[in-house]
Amino acid sequence: QINSIRIQSRKETTTDAISAPRDDEESAVVIFSVSSCCMCHAVKRLFCGLGVNPTVHELDQDPRGKEMERALIRLLGASPAVPVVFIGGKLVGAMDRVMASHINGTLVPLLKEAGALWL
């Protein structure tokens, strides 16, 4: 089954479609990653440590990985494009935004609101 994740940049009026395999349930947390990236590993460990089971798309292992990476670069306006985190279908951002949210205490409430955490 293919799920189409729509990403729209604030700078652009066009919408880029990123297709990725999905489980039977919609994931509350989606991470776009590269398997050899240490920052990607750190953000995945953060979510796992919080008790969240994110859907992870390893761009270097996906046949459409380069296309997805280009769409993420356009969305963020920066390179490298990973890690990129979506919670509840909304862009949180790269590692700096995720860590800032974690440190200032807004990450856990966001995860609860998205249904990624129940406690």
N, C-alpha and C. Protein backbone atom coordinates (compact mmCIF):
# COMPACT_ATOMS: atom_id res chain seq x y z
N GLN A 1 0.85 -1.17 0.00
CA GLN A 1 0.00 0.00 0.00
C GLN A 1 0.90 1.24 0.00
N ILE A 2 0.54 2.23 -0.77
CA ILE A 2 1.32 3.45 -0.88
C ILE A 2 0.56 4.60 -0.25
N ASN A 3 1.26 5.35 0.58
CA ASN A 3 0.69 6.53 1.22
C ASN A 3 1.37 7.74 0.62
N SER A 4 0.64 8.72 0.25
CA SER A 4 1.20 9.93 -0.32
C SER A 4 1.24 11.01 0.74
N ILE A 5 2.43 11.42 1.14
CA ILE A 5 2.60 12.47 2.12
C ILE A 5 2.78 13.76 1.36
N ARG A 6 1.89 14.71 1.60
CA ARG A 6 1.96 15.99 0.90
C ARG A 6 2.77 16.97 1.72
N ILE A 7 3.73 17.59 1.08
CA ILE A 7 4.57 18.57 1.73
C ILE A 7 4.48 19.85 0.93
N GLN A 8 4.10 20.94 1.61
CA GLN A 8 4.02 22.22 0.91
C GLN A 8 4.92 23.21 1.60
N SER A 9 5.79 23.82 0.83
CA SER A 9 6.70 24.82 1.35
C SER A 9 5.98 26.14 1.51
N ARG A 10 6.36 26.90 2.53
CA ARG A 10 5.82 28.23 2.69
C ARG A 10 6.28 29.14 1.57
N LYS A 11 7.43 28.84 1.00
CA LYS A 11 8.01 29.67 -0.06
C LYS A 11 7.43 29.35 -1.43
N GLU A 12 6.86 28.16 -1.57
CA GLU A 12 6.37 27.72 -2.87
C GLU A 12 4.86 27.51 -2.82
N THR A 13 4.23 27.66 -3.96
CA THR A 13 2.80 27.38 -4.03
C THR A 13 2.55 25.98 -4.56
N THR A 14 3.59 25.30 -5.02
CA THR A 14 3.43 23.95 -5.53
C THR A 14 3.56 22.96 -4.38
N THR A 15 2.96 21.81 -4.56
CA THR A 15 3.01 20.77 -3.55
C THR A 15 3.81 19.59 -4.10
N ASP A 16 4.75 19.13 -3.33
CA ASP A 16 5.56 17.97 -3.70
C ASP A 16 4.98 16.74 -3.02
N ALA A 17 4.82 15.68 -3.76
CA ALA A 17 4.30 14.43 -3.19
C ALA A 17 5.46 13.51 -2.91
N ILE A 18 5.49 12.98 -1.72
CA ILE A 18 6.49 11.99 -1.35
C ILE A 18 5.72 10.72 -1.04
N SER A 19 5.94 9.70 -1.82
CA SER A 19 5.24 8.44 -1.60
C SER A 19 6.14 7.50 -0.82
N ALA A 20 5.55 6.84 0.14
CA ALA A 20 6.31 5.91 0.96
C ALA A 20 5.39 4.79 1.41
N PRO A 21 5.95 3.58 1.61
CA PRO A 21 5.12 2.49 2.12
C PRO A 21 4.61 2.84 3.51
N ARG A 22 3.43 2.39 3.84
CA ARG A 22 2.91 2.67 5.17
C ARG A 22 2.34 1.41 5.80
N ASP A 23 2.27 1.43 7.11
CA ASP A 23 1.67 0.33 7.84
C ASP A 23 0.16 0.47 7.78
N ASP A 24 -0.55 -0.47 8.41
CA ASP A 24 -2.01 -0.40 8.43
C ASP A 24 -2.50 0.84 9.18
N GLU A 25 -1.74 1.26 10.18
CA GLU A 25 -2.12 2.44 10.94
C GLU A 25 -1.27 3.62 10.49
N GLU A 26 -1.87 4.80 10.52
CA GLU A 26 -1.14 6.02 10.21
C GLU A 26 -0.18 6.29 11.37
N SER A 27 1.06 6.59 11.08
CA SER A 27 2.03 6.87 12.12
C SER A 27 1.93 8.32 12.57
N ALA A 28 1.95 8.53 13.88
CA ALA A 28 1.88 9.88 14.43
C ALA A 28 3.21 10.61 14.25
N VAL A 29 4.31 9.87 14.16
CA VAL A 29 5.63 10.47 13.99
C VAL A 29 6.31 9.83 12.79
N VAL A 30 6.75 10.68 11.87
CA VAL A 30 7.45 10.22 10.67
C VAL A 30 8.79 10.93 10.62
N ILE A 31 9.85 10.14 10.44
CA ILE A 31 11.20 10.68 10.36
C ILE A 31 11.79 10.30 9.01
N PHE A 32 12.31 11.30 8.29
CA PHE A 32 13.07 11.05 7.08
C PHE A 32 14.53 11.10 7.48
N SER A 33 15.27 10.06 7.10
CA SER A 33 16.61 9.83 7.63
C SER A 33 17.53 9.27 6.56
N VAL A 34 18.81 9.23 6.87
CA VAL A 34 19.81 8.50 6.09
C VAL A 34 20.51 7.58 7.08
N SER A 35 20.65 6.32 6.75
CA SER A 35 21.12 5.32 7.71
C SER A 35 22.51 5.60 8.27
N SER A 36 23.37 6.30 7.55
CA SER A 36 24.73 6.57 8.02
C SER A 36 24.88 7.91 8.74
N CYS A 37 23.78 8.65 8.92
CA CYS A 37 23.82 9.99 9.51
C CYS A 37 23.73 9.91 11.03
N CYS A 38 24.73 10.48 11.72
CA CYS A 38 24.73 10.42 13.19
C CYS A 38 23.62 11.27 13.80
N MET A 39 23.28 12.39 13.18
CA MET A 39 22.18 13.22 13.70
C MET A 39 20.84 12.51 13.53
N CYS A 40 20.69 11.78 12.44
CA CYS A 40 19.48 10.99 12.22
C CYS A 40 19.35 9.92 13.30
N HIS A 41 20.47 9.27 13.59
CA HIS A 41 20.48 8.24 14.63
C HIS A 41 20.08 8.86 15.98
N ALA A 42 20.61 10.04 16.27
CA ALA A 42 20.31 10.69 17.54
C ALA A 42 18.83 11.04 17.66
N VAL A 43 18.22 11.55 16.59
CA VAL A 43 16.80 11.92 16.66
C VAL A 43 15.93 10.67 16.77
N LYS A 44 16.31 9.59 16.10
CA LYS A 44 15.55 8.34 16.23
C LYS A 44 15.64 7.81 17.66
N ARG A 45 16.84 7.89 18.27
CA ARG A 45 17.03 7.43 19.65
C ARG A 45 16.22 8.28 20.63
N LEU A 46 16.14 9.59 20.36
CA LEU A 46 15.36 10.47 21.22
C LEU A 46 13.91 10.00 21.27
N PHE A 47 13.31 9.78 20.11
CA PHE A 47 11.91 9.36 20.08
C PHE A 47 11.71 7.99 20.70
N CYS A 48 12.61 7.07 20.41
CA CYS A 48 12.50 5.73 21.02
C CYS A 48 12.64 5.82 22.53
N GLY A 49 13.55 6.68 23.01
CA GLY A 49 13.74 6.88 24.44
C GLY A 49 12.52 7.47 25.12
N LEU A 50 11.73 8.23 24.38
CA LEU A 50 10.49 8.80 24.92
C LEU A 50 9.33 7.81 24.86
N GLY A 51 9.57 6.64 24.25
CA GLY A 51 8.53 5.62 24.13
C GLY A 51 7.69 5.74 22.88
N VAL A 52 8.21 6.47 21.89
CA VAL A 52 7.51 6.67 20.62
C VAL A 52 8.07 5.69 19.60
N ASN A 53 7.21 5.12 18.79
CA ASN A 53 7.63 4.21 17.73
C ASN A 53 7.41 4.90 16.38
N PRO A 54 8.39 5.70 15.92
CA PRO A 54 8.19 6.47 14.69
C PRO A 54 8.27 5.60 13.44
N THR A 55 7.64 6.07 12.38
CA THR A 55 7.86 5.49 11.07
C THR A 55 9.09 6.18 10.51
N VAL A 56 10.09 5.39 10.12
CA VAL A 56 11.35 5.95 9.63
C VAL A 56 11.52 5.59 8.17
N HIS A 57 11.79 6.61 7.35
CA HIS A 57 12.07 6.41 5.93
C HIS A 57 13.55 6.70 5.70
N GLU A 58 14.31 5.64 5.46
CA GLU A 58 15.74 5.78 5.20
C GLU A 58 15.91 6.11 3.71
N LEU A 59 16.24 7.36 3.43
CA LEU A 59 16.30 7.82 2.04
C LEU A 59 17.35 7.09 1.21
N ASP A 60 18.44 6.66 1.86
CA ASP A 60 19.50 5.96 1.13
C ASP A 60 19.13 4.50 0.83
N GLN A 61 18.03 4.03 1.38
CA GLN A 61 17.60 2.66 1.14
C GLN A 61 16.28 2.59 0.36
N ASP A 62 15.76 3.73 -0.01
CA ASP A 62 14.48 3.80 -0.73
C ASP A 62 14.75 4.13 -2.19
N PRO A 63 14.12 3.42 -3.14
CA PRO A 63 14.35 3.71 -4.56
C PRO A 63 14.00 5.16 -4.94
N ARG A 64 13.08 5.78 -4.20
CA ARG A 64 12.71 7.17 -4.49
C ARG A 64 13.37 8.14 -3.51
N GLY A 65 14.41 7.67 -2.84
CA GLY A 65 15.07 8.47 -1.81
C GLY A 65 15.60 9.80 -2.30
N LYS A 66 16.23 9.82 -3.46
CA LYS A 66 16.79 11.08 -3.99
C LYS A 66 15.67 12.09 -4.29
N GLU A 67 14.58 11.59 -4.84
CA GLU A 67 13.43 12.46 -5.13
C GLU A 67 12.85 13.03 -3.84
N MET A 68 12.72 12.18 -2.82
CA MET A 68 12.21 12.64 -1.53
C MET A 68 13.17 13.65 -0.91
N GLU A 69 14.46 13.39 -1.02
CA GLU A 69 15.46 14.31 -0.47
C GLU A 69 15.37 15.69 -1.13
N ARG A 70 15.20 15.72 -2.44
CA ARG A 70 15.06 17.00 -3.15
C ARG A 70 13.81 17.76 -2.67
N ALA A 71 12.71 17.03 -2.46
CA ALA A 71 11.49 17.66 -1.98
C ALA A 71 11.68 18.22 -0.57
N LEU A 72 12.40 17.49 0.27
CA LEU A 72 12.66 17.96 1.63
C LEU A 72 13.57 19.19 1.63
N ILE A 73 14.56 19.20 0.74
CA ILE A 73 15.44 20.37 0.63
C ILE A 73 14.64 21.59 0.21
N ARG A 74 13.73 21.42 -0.76
CA ARG A 74 12.88 22.54 -1.18
C ARG A 74 11.99 23.01 -0.03
N LEU A 75 11.46 22.05 0.73
CA LEU A 75 10.59 22.38 1.85
C LEU A 75 11.33 23.17 2.93
N LEU A 76 12.52 22.70 3.28
CA LEU A 76 13.28 23.32 4.36
C LEU A 76 14.10 24.51 3.90
N GLY A 77 14.39 24.55 2.59
CA GLY A 77 15.24 25.62 2.08
C GLY A 77 16.68 25.46 2.50
N ALA A 78 17.06 24.25 2.84
CA ALA A 78 18.43 24.01 3.32
C ALA A 78 18.88 22.60 2.96
N SER A 79 20.16 22.44 2.96
CA SER A 79 20.77 21.13 2.75
C SER A 79 21.78 20.93 3.87
N PRO A 80 21.97 19.79 4.46
CA PRO A 80 21.33 18.52 4.16
C PRO A 80 19.87 18.51 4.61
N ALA A 81 19.12 17.62 4.00
CA ALA A 81 17.68 17.57 4.23
C ALA A 81 17.27 16.64 5.35
N VAL A 82 18.20 15.99 6.00
CA VAL A 82 17.85 15.02 7.04
C VAL A 82 18.63 15.29 8.32
N PRO A 83 18.10 14.91 9.45
CA PRO A 83 16.79 14.32 9.66
C PRO A 83 15.68 15.37 9.58
N VAL A 84 14.52 14.94 9.16
CA VAL A 84 13.32 15.79 9.13
C VAL A 84 12.21 15.02 9.85
N VAL A 85 11.52 15.71 10.74
CA VAL A 85 10.50 15.08 11.57
C VAL A 85 9.14 15.73 11.34
N PHE A 86 8.14 14.88 11.17
CA PHE A 86 6.74 15.29 11.10
C PHE A 86 6.02 14.65 12.28
N ILE A 87 5.22 15.43 12.98
CA ILE A 87 4.42 14.90 14.08
C ILE A 87 2.96 15.27 13.81
N GLY A 88 2.12 14.27 13.80
CA GLY A 88 0.71 14.50 13.51
C GLY A 88 0.49 15.09 12.13
N GLY A 89 1.36 14.75 11.19
CA GLY A 89 1.25 15.24 9.82
C GLY A 89 1.78 16.64 9.61
N LYS A 90 2.29 17.26 10.67
CA LYS A 90 2.81 18.62 10.57
C LYS A 90 4.33 18.61 10.68
N LEU A 91 4.96 19.45 9.88
CA LEU A 91 6.41 19.56 9.91
C LEU A 91 6.86 20.16 11.23
N VAL A 92 7.73 19.44 11.94
CA VAL A 92 8.39 19.98 13.12
C VAL A 92 9.70 20.62 12.67
N GLY A 93 10.43 19.88 11.83
CA GLY A 93 11.67 20.41 11.27
C GLY A 93 12.83 19.46 11.43
N ALA A 94 14.00 20.04 11.38
CA ALA A 94 15.24 19.27 11.47
C ALA A 94 15.62 19.09 12.95
N MET A 95 16.79 18.56 13.17
CA MET A 95 17.27 18.22 14.51
C MET A 95 17.22 19.42 15.46
N ASP A 96 17.59 20.60 14.99
CA ASP A 96 17.62 21.77 15.86
C ASP A 96 16.24 22.11 16.41
N ARG A 97 15.22 22.02 15.57
CA ARG A 97 13.85 22.32 16.01
C ARG A 97 13.32 21.25 16.96
N VAL A 98 13.64 19.99 16.66
CA VAL A 98 13.19 18.89 17.52
C VAL A 98 13.82 19.02 18.90
N MET A 99 15.13 19.28 18.95
CA MET A 99 15.82 19.40 20.23
C MET A 99 15.34 20.63 21.00
N ALA A 100 15.10 21.74 20.31
CA ALA A 100 14.58 22.94 20.98
C ALA A 100 13.22 22.65 21.60
N SER A 101 12.37 21.93 20.87
CA SER A 101 11.05 21.56 21.40
C SER A 101 11.17 20.64 22.60
N HIS A 102 12.13 19.73 22.55
CA HIS A 102 12.35 18.80 23.66
C HIS A 102 12.83 19.57 24.89
N ILE A 103 13.79 20.46 24.70
CA ILE A 103 14.36 21.21 25.82
C ILE A 103 13.35 22.17 26.43
N ASN A 104 12.55 22.84 25.61
CA ASN A 104 11.60 23.82 26.17
C ASN A 104 10.28 23.18 26.64
N GLY A 105 10.17 21.86 26.52
CA GLY A 105 9.02 21.16 27.08
C GLY A 105 7.79 21.09 26.19
N THR A 106 7.91 21.46 24.92
CA THR A 106 6.74 21.41 24.04
C THR A 106 6.65 20.12 23.21
N LEU A 107 7.72 19.32 23.19
CA LEU A 107 7.71 18.10 22.37
C LEU A 107 6.74 17.05 22.90
N VAL A 108 6.79 16.76 24.18
CA VAL A 108 5.92 15.71 24.74
C VAL A 108 4.44 16.07 24.58
N PRO A 109 4.01 17.30 24.88
CA PRO A 109 2.60 17.63 24.62
C PRO A 109 2.21 17.49 23.14
N LEU A 110 3.12 17.83 22.24
CA LEU A 110 2.87 17.68 20.82
C LEU A 110 2.69 16.20 20.46
N LEU A 111 3.52 15.35 21.04
CA LEU A 111 3.42 13.90 20.81
C LEU A 111 2.11 13.35 21.37
N LYS A 112 1.71 13.83 22.53
CA LYS A 112 0.44 13.38 23.13
C LYS A 112 -0.74 13.81 22.26
N GLU A 113 -0.70 15.05 21.78
CA GLU A 113 -1.78 15.57 20.94
C GLU A 113 -1.91 14.76 19.64
N ALA A 114 -0.77 14.30 19.11
CA ALA A 114 -0.77 13.53 17.87
C ALA A 114 -1.11 12.06 18.09
N GLY A 115 -1.19 11.65 19.34
CA GLY A 115 -1.51 10.25 19.64
C GLY A 115 -0.30 9.33 19.65
N ALA A 116 0.89 9.90 19.71
CA ALA A 116 2.12 9.10 19.74
C ALA A 116 2.46 8.65 21.16
N LEU A 117 1.96 9.39 22.15
CA LEU A 117 2.14 9.05 23.57
C LEU A 117 0.78 9.11 24.24
N TRP A 118 0.57 8.22 25.20
CA TRP A 118 -0.72 8.19 25.89
C TRP A 118 -0.60 8.60 27.34
N LEU A 119 0.59 8.62 27.89
CA LEU A 119 0.76 8.97 29.32
C LEU A 119 1.22 10.38 29.49
